[in-house]
Amino acid sequence: MLHAGGTADSNLCELVETFARHVVAQTEAIWRGDAKTGNRHARQVSAAFDKLCAHGDAGRDALAVLFTHPSMDVRTMAAAYLLRHRTREAVAVLEEAAKGQGLIPFEAQQCLLRWKEGTWALDPG
């Protein structure tokens, strides 16, 4: 899915893939009604993002590749985490996702609402 360049690029790609994998696993756990497993995957998503942020803007920029991921949940989660850093693109992803019905569109709507209210805080910078 992602390119592998030098060591830093490979590490960033692995972290992005880890982020995406755990988002998918979290969604699957939620649909099964397994909150404990869902929460475990949510912590892994957050941990992957923290590790990406340790690389500064390069780490955040690497996550933006997920804006075009085939899974809406992965696209919207990446957008939610990147609202401060890649605002225009992230808002566009969330607005598109928010048009639908169901859990992920609802989450996208709530994320946009929190952003507009000024209470969003996934990546304080």
N, C-alpha and C. Protein backbone atom coordinates (compact mmCIF):
# COMPACT_ATOMS: atom_id res chain seq x y z
N MET A 1 0.82 -1.19 0.00
CA MET A 1 0.00 0.00 0.00
C MET A 1 0.86 1.25 0.00
N LEU A 2 1.90 1.29 0.79
CA LEU A 2 2.74 2.45 0.91
C LEU A 2 4.13 2.14 0.39
N HIS A 3 4.83 3.19 0.00
CA HIS A 3 6.19 2.97 -0.50
C HIS A 3 7.16 2.86 0.66
N ALA A 4 8.22 2.17 0.42
CA ALA A 4 9.27 2.04 1.43
C ALA A 4 10.55 2.63 0.86
N GLY A 5 11.03 3.65 1.51
CA GLY A 5 12.27 4.27 1.07
C GLY A 5 13.37 3.93 2.05
N GLY A 6 13.99 4.96 2.59
CA GLY A 6 15.03 4.76 3.60
C GLY A 6 14.42 4.31 4.91
N THR A 7 15.25 4.20 5.91
CA THR A 7 14.81 3.72 7.22
C THR A 7 13.71 4.59 7.80
N ALA A 8 13.88 5.91 7.76
CA ALA A 8 12.85 6.80 8.31
C ALA A 8 11.55 6.63 7.55
N ASP A 9 11.63 6.60 6.20
CA ASP A 9 10.42 6.42 5.40
C ASP A 9 9.76 5.08 5.69
N SER A 10 10.54 4.03 5.82
CA SER A 10 9.99 2.71 6.12
C SER A 10 9.30 2.71 7.46
N ASN A 11 9.91 3.35 8.45
CA ASN A 11 9.32 3.43 9.77
C ASN A 11 7.99 4.19 9.72
N LEU A 12 7.96 5.30 9.00
CA LEU A 12 6.72 6.07 8.87
C LEU A 12 5.65 5.25 8.17
N CYS A 13 6.02 4.55 7.12
CA CYS A 13 5.06 3.71 6.40
C CYS A 13 4.50 2.62 7.31
N GLU A 14 5.36 2.01 8.10
CA GLU A 14 4.90 0.98 9.03
C GLU A 14 3.94 1.55 10.05
N LEU A 15 4.23 2.74 10.56
CA LEU A 15 3.34 3.37 11.53
C LEU A 15 1.99 3.72 10.91
N VAL A 16 2.00 4.20 9.67
CA VAL A 16 0.75 4.51 8.97
C VAL A 16 -0.06 3.23 8.76
N GLU A 17 0.61 2.17 8.36
CA GLU A 17 -0.09 0.90 8.16
C GLU A 17 -0.64 0.36 9.48
N THR A 18 0.11 0.54 10.56
CA THR A 18 -0.36 0.13 11.89
C THR A 18 -1.60 0.92 12.27
N PHE A 19 -1.57 2.22 12.05
CA PHE A 19 -2.72 3.09 12.33
C PHE A 19 -3.95 2.56 11.59
N ALA A 20 -3.81 2.34 10.28
CA ALA A 20 -4.94 1.88 9.46
C ALA A 20 -5.44 0.52 9.91
N ARG A 21 -4.54 -0.40 10.18
CA ARG A 21 -4.92 -1.75 10.59
C ARG A 21 -5.73 -1.72 11.89
N HIS A 22 -5.31 -0.90 12.83
CA HIS A 22 -6.03 -0.85 14.10
C HIS A 22 -7.36 -0.10 13.99
N VAL A 23 -7.45 0.86 13.07
CA VAL A 23 -8.75 1.52 12.84
C VAL A 23 -9.75 0.49 12.33
N VAL A 24 -9.34 -0.31 11.36
CA VAL A 24 -10.22 -1.35 10.81
C VAL A 24 -10.61 -2.34 11.90
N ALA A 25 -9.63 -2.78 12.69
CA ALA A 25 -9.90 -3.74 13.76
C ALA A 25 -10.83 -3.14 14.82
N GLN A 26 -10.65 -1.86 15.12
CA GLN A 26 -11.52 -1.19 16.08
C GLN A 26 -12.96 -1.17 15.57
N THR A 27 -13.14 -0.81 14.32
CA THR A 27 -14.48 -0.77 13.73
C THR A 27 -15.12 -2.15 13.75
N GLU A 28 -14.36 -3.15 13.38
CA GLU A 28 -14.90 -4.52 13.40
C GLU A 28 -15.31 -4.93 14.81
N ALA A 29 -14.52 -4.58 15.80
CA ALA A 29 -14.85 -4.92 17.19
C ALA A 29 -16.12 -4.20 17.63
N ILE A 30 -16.25 -2.95 17.24
CA ILE A 30 -17.45 -2.19 17.59
C ILE A 30 -18.69 -2.84 16.99
N TRP A 31 -18.60 -3.23 15.73
CA TRP A 31 -19.75 -3.87 15.07
C TRP A 31 -20.11 -5.20 15.72
N ARG A 32 -19.13 -5.87 16.30
CA ARG A 32 -19.39 -7.13 17.01
C ARG A 32 -19.91 -6.89 18.41
N GLY A 33 -19.89 -5.65 18.86
CA GLY A 33 -20.31 -5.33 20.22
C GLY A 33 -19.24 -5.61 21.26
N ASP A 34 -17.99 -5.69 20.83
CA ASP A 34 -16.87 -6.00 21.71
C ASP A 34 -16.12 -4.71 22.06
N ALA A 35 -16.65 -3.98 23.03
CA ALA A 35 -16.08 -2.69 23.41
C ALA A 35 -14.65 -2.82 23.94
N LYS A 36 -14.38 -3.88 24.69
CA LYS A 36 -13.05 -4.07 25.27
C LYS A 36 -11.99 -4.16 24.17
N THR A 37 -12.25 -4.99 23.17
CA THR A 37 -11.32 -5.13 22.05
C THR A 37 -11.26 -3.83 21.25
N GLY A 38 -12.41 -3.20 21.04
CA GLY A 38 -12.44 -1.92 20.32
C GLY A 38 -11.59 -0.88 21.01
N ASN A 39 -11.69 -0.81 22.33
CA ASN A 39 -10.89 0.16 23.09
C ASN A 39 -9.40 -0.15 23.01
N ARG A 40 -9.05 -1.44 22.99
CA ARG A 40 -7.64 -1.82 22.86
C ARG A 40 -7.09 -1.33 21.52
N HIS A 41 -7.89 -1.52 20.46
CA HIS A 41 -7.45 -1.05 19.14
C HIS A 41 -7.41 0.48 19.08
N ALA A 42 -8.34 1.14 19.75
CA ALA A 42 -8.33 2.61 19.79
C ALA A 42 -7.05 3.12 20.44
N ARG A 43 -6.60 2.45 21.49
CA ARG A 43 -5.34 2.84 22.13
C ARG A 43 -4.17 2.64 21.17
N GLN A 44 -4.22 1.59 20.35
CA GLN A 44 -3.15 1.34 19.38
C GLN A 44 -3.16 2.40 18.27
N VAL A 45 -4.35 2.85 17.87
CA VAL A 45 -4.45 3.93 16.89
C VAL A 45 -3.78 5.18 17.45
N SER A 46 -4.13 5.51 18.68
CA SER A 46 -3.56 6.69 19.33
C SER A 46 -2.05 6.56 19.50
N ALA A 47 -1.58 5.37 19.86
CA ALA A 47 -0.15 5.15 20.02
C ALA A 47 0.59 5.31 18.69
N ALA A 48 0.00 4.80 17.62
CA ALA A 48 0.63 4.95 16.30
C ALA A 48 0.71 6.43 15.92
N PHE A 49 -0.36 7.17 16.21
CA PHE A 49 -0.35 8.59 15.90
C PHE A 49 0.72 9.31 16.73
N ASP A 50 0.82 8.98 18.00
CA ASP A 50 1.84 9.60 18.85
C ASP A 50 3.24 9.34 18.29
N LYS A 51 3.46 8.13 17.83
CA LYS A 51 4.77 7.79 17.26
C LYS A 51 5.02 8.56 15.96
N LEU A 52 3.96 8.73 15.15
CA LEU A 52 4.09 9.54 13.94
C LEU A 52 4.43 10.98 14.30
N CYS A 53 3.75 11.51 15.32
CA CYS A 53 3.99 12.89 15.74
C CYS A 53 5.40 13.10 16.27
N ALA A 54 6.00 12.05 16.77
CA ALA A 54 7.39 12.15 17.24
C ALA A 54 8.33 12.49 16.09
N HIS A 55 7.88 12.26 14.86
CA HIS A 55 8.65 12.61 13.66
C HIS A 55 8.31 14.01 13.16
N GLY A 56 7.50 14.73 13.92
CA GLY A 56 7.11 16.09 13.54
C GLY A 56 6.14 16.10 12.36
N ASP A 57 6.23 17.15 11.58
CA ASP A 57 5.31 17.30 10.45
C ASP A 57 5.47 16.18 9.43
N ALA A 58 6.66 15.62 9.31
CA ALA A 58 6.86 14.51 8.37
C ALA A 58 5.98 13.32 8.76
N GLY A 59 5.87 13.06 10.05
CA GLY A 59 5.02 11.96 10.52
C GLY A 59 3.55 12.24 10.26
N ARG A 60 3.14 13.48 10.52
CA ARG A 60 1.75 13.85 10.26
C ARG A 60 1.46 13.78 8.76
N ASP A 61 2.38 14.30 7.97
CA ASP A 61 2.19 14.28 6.51
C ASP A 61 2.09 12.84 5.99
N ALA A 62 2.84 11.93 6.59
CA ALA A 62 2.79 10.52 6.15
C ALA A 62 1.40 9.95 6.35
N LEU A 63 0.72 10.36 7.43
CA LEU A 63 -0.62 9.84 7.71
C LEU A 63 -1.65 10.32 6.69
N ALA A 64 -1.38 11.45 6.05
CA ALA A 64 -2.32 12.01 5.08
C ALA A 64 -2.56 11.09 3.88
N VAL A 65 -1.67 10.13 3.63
CA VAL A 65 -1.88 9.18 2.54
C VAL A 65 -3.20 8.42 2.76
N LEU A 66 -3.63 8.33 4.00
CA LEU A 66 -4.86 7.58 4.31
C LEU A 66 -6.13 8.35 3.93
N PHE A 67 -6.00 9.60 3.52
CA PHE A 67 -7.17 10.36 3.06
C PHE A 67 -7.83 9.70 1.85
N THR A 68 -7.10 8.84 1.16
CA THR A 68 -7.65 8.17 -0.02
C THR A 68 -7.77 6.66 0.20
N HIS A 69 -7.67 6.22 1.44
CA HIS A 69 -7.79 4.79 1.76
C HIS A 69 -9.17 4.28 1.34
N PRO A 70 -9.27 3.02 0.89
CA PRO A 70 -10.57 2.50 0.46
C PRO A 70 -11.62 2.42 1.57
N SER A 71 -11.21 2.32 2.82
CA SER A 71 -12.17 2.22 3.92
C SER A 71 -12.51 3.61 4.47
N MET A 72 -13.81 3.91 4.50
CA MET A 72 -14.24 5.21 5.00
C MET A 72 -13.81 5.43 6.44
N ASP A 73 -13.83 4.37 7.25
CA ASP A 73 -13.45 4.55 8.65
C ASP A 73 -11.98 4.96 8.77
N VAL A 74 -11.13 4.42 7.94
CA VAL A 74 -9.71 4.78 7.97
C VAL A 74 -9.52 6.22 7.48
N ARG A 75 -10.19 6.58 6.39
CA ARG A 75 -10.10 7.95 5.87
C ARG A 75 -10.54 8.96 6.92
N THR A 76 -11.69 8.69 7.55
CA THR A 76 -12.23 9.66 8.50
C THR A 76 -11.39 9.73 9.77
N MET A 77 -10.85 8.61 10.22
CA MET A 77 -10.01 8.64 11.42
C MET A 77 -8.73 9.43 11.15
N ALA A 78 -8.12 9.19 10.00
CA ALA A 78 -6.92 9.97 9.65
C ALA A 78 -7.25 11.45 9.58
N ALA A 79 -8.38 11.78 8.98
CA ALA A 79 -8.80 13.18 8.86
C ALA A 79 -9.05 13.78 10.25
N ALA A 80 -9.68 13.01 11.11
CA ALA A 80 -9.95 13.50 12.47
C ALA A 80 -8.65 13.85 13.19
N TYR A 81 -7.65 13.01 13.04
CA TYR A 81 -6.37 13.25 13.70
C TYR A 81 -5.57 14.37 13.05
N LEU A 82 -5.82 14.64 11.77
CA LEU A 82 -5.02 15.63 11.04
C LEU A 82 -5.72 16.97 10.84
N LEU A 83 -6.82 17.20 11.55
CA LEU A 83 -7.55 18.46 11.36
C LEU A 83 -6.68 19.70 11.58
N ARG A 84 -5.87 19.72 12.59
CA ARG A 84 -5.06 20.90 12.86
C ARG A 84 -3.94 21.06 11.83
N HIS A 85 -3.35 19.94 11.44
CA HIS A 85 -2.18 19.99 10.56
C HIS A 85 -2.53 20.13 9.08
N ARG A 86 -3.56 19.45 8.65
CA ARG A 86 -3.97 19.47 7.22
C ARG A 86 -5.45 19.83 7.14
N THR A 87 -5.80 20.99 7.67
CA THR A 87 -7.19 21.38 7.89
C THR A 87 -8.06 21.26 6.64
N ARG A 88 -7.67 21.90 5.56
CA ARG A 88 -8.51 21.94 4.36
C ARG A 88 -8.82 20.53 3.85
N GLU A 89 -7.79 19.71 3.73
CA GLU A 89 -7.98 18.35 3.23
C GLU A 89 -8.78 17.50 4.22
N ALA A 90 -8.48 17.63 5.49
CA ALA A 90 -9.17 16.83 6.51
C ALA A 90 -10.65 17.19 6.58
N VAL A 91 -10.96 18.47 6.52
CA VAL A 91 -12.37 18.89 6.54
C VAL A 91 -13.09 18.33 5.33
N ALA A 92 -12.45 18.35 4.17
CA ALA A 92 -13.08 17.82 2.96
C ALA A 92 -13.40 16.33 3.11
N VAL A 93 -12.46 15.56 3.67
CA VAL A 93 -12.69 14.13 3.90
C VAL A 93 -13.85 13.93 4.87
N LEU A 94 -13.86 14.67 5.96
CA LEU A 94 -14.90 14.53 6.97
C LEU A 94 -16.26 14.97 6.43
N GLU A 95 -16.30 16.05 5.65
CA GLU A 95 -17.56 16.51 5.08
C GLU A 95 -18.14 15.47 4.13
N GLU A 96 -17.28 14.84 3.35
CA GLU A 96 -17.75 13.78 2.43
C GLU A 96 -18.31 12.60 3.23
N ALA A 97 -17.60 12.18 4.25
CA ALA A 97 -18.04 11.05 5.07
C ALA A 97 -19.33 11.38 5.82
N ALA A 98 -19.48 12.63 6.23
CA ALA A 98 -20.64 13.05 7.02
C ALA A 98 -21.94 13.04 6.24
N LYS A 99 -21.87 12.92 4.92
CA LYS A 99 -23.07 12.92 4.08
C LYS A 99 -23.89 11.65 4.22
N GLY A 100 -23.28 10.59 4.68
CA GLY A 100 -23.96 9.30 4.73
C GLY A 100 -24.77 9.09 5.99
N GLN A 101 -25.18 7.85 6.18
CA GLN A 101 -25.92 7.42 7.36
C GLN A 101 -25.10 6.36 8.07
N GLY A 102 -25.26 6.26 9.36
CA GLY A 102 -24.58 5.22 10.11
C GLY A 102 -23.55 5.79 11.06
N LEU A 103 -22.79 4.88 11.66
CA LEU A 103 -21.84 5.25 12.71
C LEU A 103 -20.71 6.14 12.20
N ILE A 104 -20.08 5.79 11.11
CA ILE A 104 -18.92 6.56 10.65
C ILE A 104 -19.34 7.95 10.19
N PRO A 105 -20.42 8.09 9.41
CA PRO A 105 -20.88 9.45 9.08
C PRO A 105 -21.24 10.26 10.34
N PHE A 106 -21.85 9.62 11.32
CA PHE A 106 -22.18 10.31 12.56
C PHE A 106 -20.90 10.78 13.26
N GLU A 107 -19.90 9.91 13.32
CA GLU A 107 -18.63 10.30 13.94
C GLU A 107 -17.97 11.45 13.19
N ALA A 108 -18.05 11.43 11.86
CA ALA A 108 -17.49 12.52 11.06
C ALA A 108 -18.23 13.83 11.35
N GLN A 109 -19.55 13.76 11.46
CA GLN A 109 -20.35 14.94 11.79
C GLN A 109 -19.95 15.50 13.16
N GLN A 110 -19.79 14.61 14.14
CA GLN A 110 -19.42 15.03 15.49
C GLN A 110 -18.01 15.64 15.51
N CYS A 111 -17.12 15.07 14.76
CA CYS A 111 -15.75 15.60 14.69
C CYS A 111 -15.77 17.02 14.11
N LEU A 112 -16.51 17.21 13.04
CA LEU A 112 -16.62 18.54 12.43
C LEU A 112 -17.26 19.53 13.40
N LEU A 113 -18.26 19.10 14.12
CA LEU A 113 -18.92 19.95 15.10
C LEU A 113 -17.93 20.37 16.19
N ARG A 114 -17.17 19.42 16.72
CA ARG A 114 -16.18 19.73 17.77
C ARG A 114 -15.11 20.68 17.24
N TRP A 115 -14.73 20.49 15.97
CA TRP A 115 -13.73 21.36 15.35
C TRP A 115 -14.27 22.79 15.28
N LYS A 116 -15.50 22.93 14.81
CA LYS A 116 -16.11 24.26 14.68
C LYS A 116 -16.33 24.92 16.04
N GLU A 117 -16.63 24.13 17.06
CA GLU A 117 -16.81 24.65 18.41
C GLU A 117 -15.49 25.02 19.09
N GLY A 118 -14.40 24.51 18.56
CA GLY A 118 -13.11 24.76 19.15
C GLY A 118 -12.77 23.82 20.29
N THR A 119 -13.49 22.68 20.37
CA THR A 119 -13.23 21.73 21.44
C THR A 119 -12.49 20.48 20.98
N TRP A 120 -12.16 20.41 19.69
CA TRP A 120 -11.41 19.27 19.15
C TRP A 120 -10.00 19.29 19.72
N ALA A 121 -9.48 18.12 20.10
CA ALA A 121 -8.16 18.10 20.73
C ALA A 121 -7.39 16.80 20.50
N LEU A 122 -7.47 16.22 19.30
CA LEU A 122 -6.73 14.99 19.06
C LEU A 122 -5.24 15.23 18.85
N ASP A 123 -4.89 16.38 18.31
CA ASP A 123 -3.48 16.69 18.05
C ASP A 123 -3.24 18.15 18.46
N PRO A 124 -2.98 18.37 19.74
CA PRO A 124 -2.84 19.74 20.21
C PRO A 124 -1.62 20.49 19.66
N GLY A 125 -0.73 19.76 18.99
CA GLY A 125 0.40 20.43 18.37
C GLY A 125 1.57 20.35 19.17
